[in-house]
Amino acid sequence: MKAWMIAAIASAGLLAAAAPSLAQDHETGTPLQPQEAAGGWTLESAGRSICRVTLGQEKAGPGYAAKADAACGSALPGQPAAWQPTADGMRLVDAGGQPLISFGRWSNSLFVSRQSSGVDLQLRRGGSGGHGS
């Protein structure tokens, strides 16, 4: 068998093997629902944990309960009081309902906010949430 044929067959096999894992994540780009949001999330950037954000499923002012650790201060553009589902994920809002930051849903446990600086912020389910962890 020719080398290019072997490479093509191997590539097809790898793609087929990867396809089920991509297909399993049917949540990409969909709104976060209150019942699935509840719990601790870690705010990360450039591969480092910054702080912990806790999302709730109970109504709180302009959305659903949200609380960020004090360590989030410089990473977030304000103090979140609530979170709201969006068409493709969720956003953190202040007590007056003004959006602070939006996150697009990449998977069931990962939300990403594209920043103009080029360094994205990620909100990942669970994790330690401490500096440098």
Protein backbone atom coordinates (compact mmCIF):
# COMPACT_ATOMS: atom_id res chain seq x y z
CA MET A 1 0.00 0.00 0.00
CA LYS A 2 1.28 3.46 -0.84
CA ALA A 3 2.36 5.81 1.98
CA TRP A 4 -0.24 8.45 1.10
CA MET A 5 -3.02 5.85 1.27
CA ILE A 6 -1.86 4.69 4.69
CA ALA A 7 -1.76 8.31 5.89
CA ALA A 8 -5.25 8.97 4.52
CA ILE A 9 -6.67 5.86 6.20
CA ALA A 10 -4.97 6.71 9.48
CA SER A 11 -6.27 10.29 9.34
CA ALA A 12 -9.80 9.09 8.63
CA GLY A 13 -9.57 6.72 11.58
CA LEU A 14 -8.38 9.49 13.89
CA LEU A 15 -11.15 11.82 12.75
CA ALA A 16 -13.76 9.12 13.22
CA ALA A 17 -12.43 8.39 16.69
CA ALA A 18 -12.57 12.10 17.62
CA ALA A 19 -16.04 12.68 16.17
CA PRO A 20 -18.01 11.03 19.00
CA SER A 21 -16.36 13.25 21.63
CA LEU A 22 -17.21 16.36 19.62
CA ALA A 23 -20.76 15.18 19.06
CA GLN A 24 -21.25 14.46 22.78
CA ASP A 25 -20.82 18.13 23.66
CA HIS A 26 -24.18 19.35 22.44
CA GLU A 27 -24.14 22.30 24.87
CA THR A 28 -21.64 24.47 22.98
CA GLY A 29 -23.15 27.88 22.27
CA THR A 30 -26.34 27.29 24.28
CA PRO A 31 -27.61 29.29 27.26
CA LEU A 32 -26.66 28.18 30.76
CA GLN A 33 -29.73 27.08 32.69
CA PRO A 34 -30.14 27.93 36.40
CA GLN A 35 -30.29 24.30 37.55
CA GLU A 36 -27.00 23.44 35.83
CA ALA A 37 -25.22 26.63 36.95
CA ALA A 38 -25.43 26.04 40.69
CA GLY A 39 -22.07 25.59 42.35
CA GLY A 40 -18.50 26.75 42.31
CA TRP A 41 -16.66 27.89 39.21
CA THR A 42 -13.03 28.93 38.82
CA LEU A 43 -12.11 32.09 36.94
CA GLU A 44 -8.90 31.44 34.99
CA SER A 45 -6.65 33.26 32.57
CA ALA A 46 -3.53 32.15 30.70
CA GLY A 47 -3.72 28.74 32.37
CA ARG A 48 -3.77 30.14 35.92
CA SER A 49 -6.58 30.11 38.46
CA ILE A 50 -7.54 33.60 39.61
CA CYS A 51 -10.48 33.18 41.96
CA ARG A 52 -13.73 31.41 42.70
CA VAL A 53 -17.15 32.45 41.41
CA THR A 54 -20.27 30.86 42.89
CA LEU A 55 -23.40 30.72 40.74
CA GLY A 56 -26.82 29.93 42.11
CA GLN A 57 -30.17 28.89 40.71
CA GLU A 58 -32.22 31.13 42.99
CA LYS A 59 -33.49 34.48 41.70
CA ALA A 60 -31.45 37.49 42.85
CA GLY A 61 -32.31 40.99 41.64
CA PRO A 62 -31.70 41.21 37.89
CA GLY A 63 -30.96 37.50 37.42
CA TYR A 64 -29.77 34.56 39.49
CA ALA A 65 -27.46 34.63 42.51
CA ALA A 66 -23.74 35.16 41.83
CA LYS A 67 -20.84 35.88 44.15
CA ALA A 68 -17.19 36.39 43.31
CA ASP A 69 -14.31 36.08 45.78
CA ALA A 70 -12.40 39.25 46.62
CA ALA A 71 -9.45 37.87 44.61
CA CYS A 72 -11.53 38.38 41.44
CA GLY A 73 -11.35 42.16 41.92
CA SER A 74 -8.82 43.09 39.24
CA ALA A 75 -9.87 40.36 36.80
CA LEU A 76 -13.53 41.38 36.58
CA PRO A 77 -14.75 44.84 35.53
CA GLY A 78 -16.92 45.14 38.65
CA GLN A 79 -18.55 43.17 41.46
CA PRO A 80 -21.13 40.69 40.14
CA ALA A 81 -24.43 40.54 41.98
CA ALA A 82 -26.15 38.12 39.61
CA TRP A 83 -25.78 36.14 36.43
CA GLN A 84 -28.12 35.91 33.44
CA PRO A 85 -28.45 33.33 30.66
CA THR A 86 -27.61 34.67 27.18
CA ALA A 87 -28.26 33.20 23.73
CA ASP A 88 -24.84 31.47 23.71
CA GLY A 89 -23.87 31.21 27.38
CA MET A 90 -24.16 33.60 30.32
CA ARG A 91 -23.13 37.00 31.65
CA LEU A 92 -22.32 38.41 35.06
CA VAL A 93 -24.20 41.60 35.95
CA ASP A 94 -23.99 44.21 38.71
CA ALA A 95 -26.74 44.96 41.23
CA GLY A 96 -28.42 47.32 38.75
CA GLY A 97 -28.50 44.67 36.03
CA GLN A 98 -25.70 46.26 33.98
CA PRO A 99 -23.58 43.64 32.18
CA LEU A 100 -20.05 43.27 33.53
CA ILE A 101 -18.74 40.43 31.37
CA SER A 102 -20.20 37.81 29.01
CA PHE A 103 -19.05 34.23 28.59
CA GLY A 104 -19.74 32.01 25.60
CA ARG A 105 -20.40 28.35 26.32
CA TRP A 106 -17.68 26.05 24.99
CA SER A 107 -18.73 22.92 26.86
CA ASN A 108 -20.77 21.77 29.83
CA SER A 109 -18.04 22.92 32.19
CA LEU A 110 -16.22 25.71 30.33
CA PHE A 111 -17.27 29.25 29.43
CA VAL A 112 -14.92 31.70 27.69
CA SER A 113 -14.87 35.49 27.50
CA ARG A 114 -12.84 36.95 24.65
CA GLN A 115 -10.93 40.01 25.88
CA SER A 116 -9.61 42.85 23.71
CA SER A 117 -6.19 42.30 25.31
CA GLY A 118 -6.06 38.91 23.58
CA VAL A 119 -5.87 37.05 26.91
CA ASP A 120 -9.20 35.29 27.40
CA LEU A 121 -10.91 34.67 30.71
CA GLN A 122 -12.36 31.23 31.33
CA LEU A 123 -14.98 30.17 33.80
CA ARG A 124 -14.46 26.49 34.56
CA ARG A 125 -16.72 24.34 36.74
CA GLY A 126 -15.09 23.36 40.03
CA GLY A 127 -11.37 23.76 40.50
CA SER A 128 -9.44 25.29 43.35
CA GLY A 129 -10.03 28.96 42.52
CA GLY A 130 -6.88 30.15 44.28
CA HIS A 131 -4.04 32.29 43.01
CA GLY A 132 -1.54 30.30 40.97
CA SER A 133 -3.19 26.95 41.54
